C-alpha cells in the first residue's frame, strides 16, 4: 500500500510539473532568465493549440515590476498605463497563422542607452526612454515569422525581473 501511494504521489508531482505547475507558481512567466529562457517562453506561443490568452496573462507587469525596470516619473506613468491597458483589454501575445519561427533580439540597458549591440533591432522609441532604464537589465524584442521571412508579428519589452518574465511594450508612449 505504501509503495502504491508513494508512486501515486510521485506521478501526481510529475503531472503538475509537466502541466506548467500553475498551482506552484510555474508556467510561461517562470521560465528561467536569459536568452534561453526567453526563447523557451516564446516558443510556447507557437505550439499548436496554444492558449495564447492564458500564456499571456502571467506576463502582466505589476507596479513593482515596472519600478524594477524604469526610474523616475516614467516608472509611475508606465505602471498606470499598463494597468489601464491590461484592465481594459488584456494583451494577448499571438503569432499569425503560418508564423512558426521565432526571431529573438536582446539588448542590455547599457546597449540601449549607447545605441550599440542589437539596440538597432528595437523600435526607435527606446532611444527616448533608454536613459530611464535601470542598469544591468536585458530586454527582448521578437517577431513571429513564417519560415524564411523576416517580417511578421513583432513585440517588444520582454524582461525578466523579480523572478519572472513580464512584458513592458512601447514604453515611449508614456514618455510623451
Protein backbone atom coordinates (compact mmCIF):
# COMPACT_ATOMS: atom_id res chain seq x y z
CA UNK A 1 0.00 0.00 0.00
CA UNK A 2 2.79 2.41 0.91
CA UNK A 3 4.58 1.78 -2.41
CA UNK A 4 1.43 2.46 -4.44
CA UNK A 5 0.68 5.66 -2.51
CA UNK A 6 4.28 6.83 -2.98
CA UNK A 7 4.08 6.09 -6.70
CA UNK A 8 0.78 7.93 -6.96
CA UNK A 9 2.22 10.99 -5.21
CA UNK A 10 5.32 10.92 -7.43
CA UNK A 11 3.13 10.55 -10.52
CA UNK A 12 0.99 13.50 -9.46
CA UNK A 13 4.11 15.63 -8.89
CA UNK A 14 5.39 14.80 -12.37
CA UNK A 15 1.97 15.59 -13.86
CA UNK A 16 1.97 19.00 -12.15
CA UNK A 17 5.46 19.76 -13.42
CA UNK A 18 4.56 18.79 -16.97
CA UNK A 19 1.38 20.87 -16.84
CA UNK A 20 3.36 24.00 -16.14
CA UNK A 21 2.94 23.80 -12.39
CA UNK A 22 0.48 26.70 -12.25
CA UNK A 23 -0.53 25.80 -8.69
CA UNK A 24 3.04 26.22 -7.54
CA UNK A 25 3.73 29.45 -9.45
CA UNK A 26 5.14 27.94 -12.64
CA UNK A 27 4.09 28.42 -16.21
CA UNK A 28 5.38 30.60 -19.03
CA UNK A 29 6.33 33.61 -16.94
CA UNK A 30 8.50 31.45 -14.67
CA UNK A 31 10.86 30.32 -17.45
CA UNK A 32 14.47 30.88 -16.38
CA UNK A 33 16.14 34.23 -17.07
CA UNK A 34 18.37 34.78 -20.08
CA UNK A 35 18.04 34.24 -23.79
CA UNK A 36 17.34 30.51 -23.48
CA UNK A 37 14.52 31.25 -21.02
CA UNK A 38 13.05 33.93 -23.28
CA UNK A 39 13.18 31.58 -26.25
CA UNK A 40 11.58 28.76 -24.27
CA UNK A 41 8.81 31.04 -23.07
CA UNK A 42 8.06 32.48 -26.53
CA UNK A 43 8.14 29.11 -28.29
CA UNK A 44 5.16 28.08 -26.15
CA UNK A 45 3.07 30.64 -28.06
CA UNK A 46 3.79 28.88 -31.37
CA UNK A 47 2.76 25.41 -30.28
CA UNK A 48 -0.35 24.01 -31.99
CA UNK A 49 -3.40 24.61 -29.84
CA UNK A 50 -1.60 27.09 -27.56
CA UNK A 51 -3.92 29.08 -25.28
CA UNK A 52 -2.48 32.50 -26.08
CA UNK A 53 -4.63 34.34 -23.57
CA UNK A 54 -3.59 32.01 -20.72
CA UNK A 55 0.08 32.16 -21.75
CA UNK A 56 -0.03 35.98 -21.94
CA UNK A 57 -1.78 36.63 -18.62
CA UNK A 58 1.26 35.93 -16.37
CA UNK A 59 3.28 38.48 -18.38
CA UNK A 60 1.21 41.34 -16.95
CA UNK A 61 3.60 43.61 -15.04
CA UNK A 62 2.94 44.82 -11.52
CA UNK A 63 3.87 48.29 -10.31
CA UNK A 64 6.92 46.72 -8.63
CA UNK A 65 7.94 45.08 -11.92
CA UNK A 66 7.78 48.40 -13.77
CA UNK A 67 9.76 50.09 -10.99
CA UNK A 68 12.42 47.36 -11.29
CA UNK A 69 12.97 48.32 -14.94
CA UNK A 70 12.38 52.09 -15.20
CA UNK A 71 13.38 55.02 -12.99
CA UNK A 72 11.77 58.33 -12.12
CA UNK A 73 8.45 59.66 -13.35
CA UNK A 74 8.42 57.25 -16.28
CA UNK A 75 8.04 54.25 -13.93
CA UNK A 76 4.85 55.71 -12.44
CA UNK A 77 3.44 56.70 -15.82
CA UNK A 78 4.15 53.26 -17.26
CA UNK A 79 2.67 51.43 -14.27
CA UNK A 80 -0.57 53.40 -14.68
CA UNK A 81 -0.57 52.90 -18.47
CA UNK A 82 0.00 49.15 -18.28
CA UNK A 83 -2.57 48.72 -15.51
CA UNK A 84 -5.18 50.56 -17.57
CA UNK A 85 -4.22 48.70 -20.75
CA UNK A 86 -4.42 45.24 -19.15
CA UNK A 87 -7.63 46.10 -17.26
CA UNK A 88 -9.48 47.27 -20.38
CA UNK A 89 -8.24 44.68 -22.83
CA UNK A 90 -5.54 42.29 -21.65
CA UNK A 91 -2.62 41.94 -24.02
CA UNK A 92 -2.54 38.66 -25.90
CA UNK A 93 0.74 37.61 -27.49
CA UNK A 94 -0.06 35.58 -30.58
CA UNK A 95 1.55 34.66 -33.88
CA UNK A 96 -0.45 34.93 -37.07
CA UNK A 97 -1.32 31.72 -38.96
CA UNK A 98 1.77 30.18 -40.54
CA UNK A 99 4.20 32.06 -38.30
CA UNK A 100 6.09 29.12 -36.89
CA UNK A 101 9.55 30.62 -36.45
CA UNK A 102 10.90 33.00 -33.83
CA UNK A 103 13.34 35.84 -34.38
CA UNK A 104 14.66 36.99 -30.99
CA UNK A 105 16.79 40.05 -30.27
CA UNK A 106 18.20 41.25 -26.97
CA UNK A 107 19.88 44.40 -25.74
CA UNK A 108 21.06 45.40 -22.32
CA UNK A 109 20.09 48.65 -20.65
CA UNK A 110 23.57 49.92 -21.40
CA UNK A 111 23.38 48.94 -25.09
CA UNK A 112 20.00 50.63 -25.47
CA UNK A 113 21.43 53.80 -23.87
CA UNK A 114 24.54 53.77 -26.09
CA UNK A 115 22.80 52.55 -29.26
CA UNK A 116 25.21 49.60 -29.50
CA UNK A 117 24.83 45.83 -29.81
CA UNK A 118 21.36 44.85 -31.01
CA UNK A 119 19.78 48.16 -29.90
CA UNK A 120 19.14 48.93 -33.58
CA UNK A 121 16.72 45.97 -33.72
CA UNK A 122 14.45 47.70 -31.18
CA UNK A 123 11.85 50.31 -32.12
CA UNK A 124 13.27 53.84 -32.27
CA UNK A 125 11.13 54.94 -29.33
CA UNK A 126 13.51 53.15 -27.00
CA UNK A 127 16.03 55.94 -27.62
CA UNK A 128 13.62 58.34 -25.88
CA UNK A 129 13.35 56.22 -22.72
CA UNK A 130 16.74 54.48 -22.57
CA UNK A 131 18.20 56.93 -20.04
CA UNK A 132 15.45 55.95 -17.59
CA UNK A 133 16.20 52.22 -17.81
CA UNK A 134 17.78 50.77 -14.70
CA UNK A 135 21.27 49.33 -15.27
CA UNK A 136 22.04 45.65 -15.67
CA UNK A 137 18.84 44.55 -17.42
CA UNK A 138 18.40 42.69 -20.68
CA UNK A 139 15.30 43.47 -22.74
CA UNK A 140 14.00 41.34 -25.58
CA UNK A 141 12.24 42.09 -28.81
CA UNK A 142 10.87 39.35 -31.03
CA UNK A 143 8.97 38.50 -34.16
CA UNK A 144 6.86 35.50 -35.01
CA UNK A 145 7.54 34.92 -38.71
CA UNK A 146 6.76 32.48 -41.47
CA UNK A 147 9.70 30.22 -42.36
CA UNK A 148 12.33 32.11 -44.35
CA UNK A 149 10.77 35.54 -43.73
CA UNK A 150 11.96 38.42 -41.57
CA UNK A 151 8.73 40.39 -41.32
CA UNK A 152 5.99 39.20 -39.03
CA UNK A 153 4.13 39.82 -35.80
CA UNK A 154 6.53 41.96 -33.72
CA UNK A 155 6.62 42.55 -29.97
CA UNK A 156 9.00 44.34 -27.62
CA UNK A 157 9.66 44.88 -23.94
CA UNK A 158 10.05 41.35 -22.58
CA UNK A 159 12.21 41.40 -19.46
CA UNK A 160 12.93 39.07 -16.55
CA UNK A 161 12.52 40.92 -13.23
CA UNK A 162 11.51 39.99 -9.70
CA UNK A 163 11.92 36.30 -10.54
CA UNK A 164 9.57 36.16 -13.53
CA UNK A 165 9.02 37.38 -17.08
CA UNK A 166 6.88 40.42 -17.85
CA UNK A 167 6.21 42.46 -20.94
CA UNK A 168 6.53 46.25 -20.90
CA UNK A 169 5.71 47.18 -24.51
CA UNK A 170 6.14 50.56 -26.17
CA UNK A 171 7.42 52.45 -23.14
CA UNK A 172 7.91 55.63 -25.16
CA UNK A 173 4.13 56.04 -25.40
CA UNK A 174 4.06 57.12 -21.73
CA UNK A 175 7.06 59.42 -22.16
CA UNK A 176 5.16 61.87 -24.37
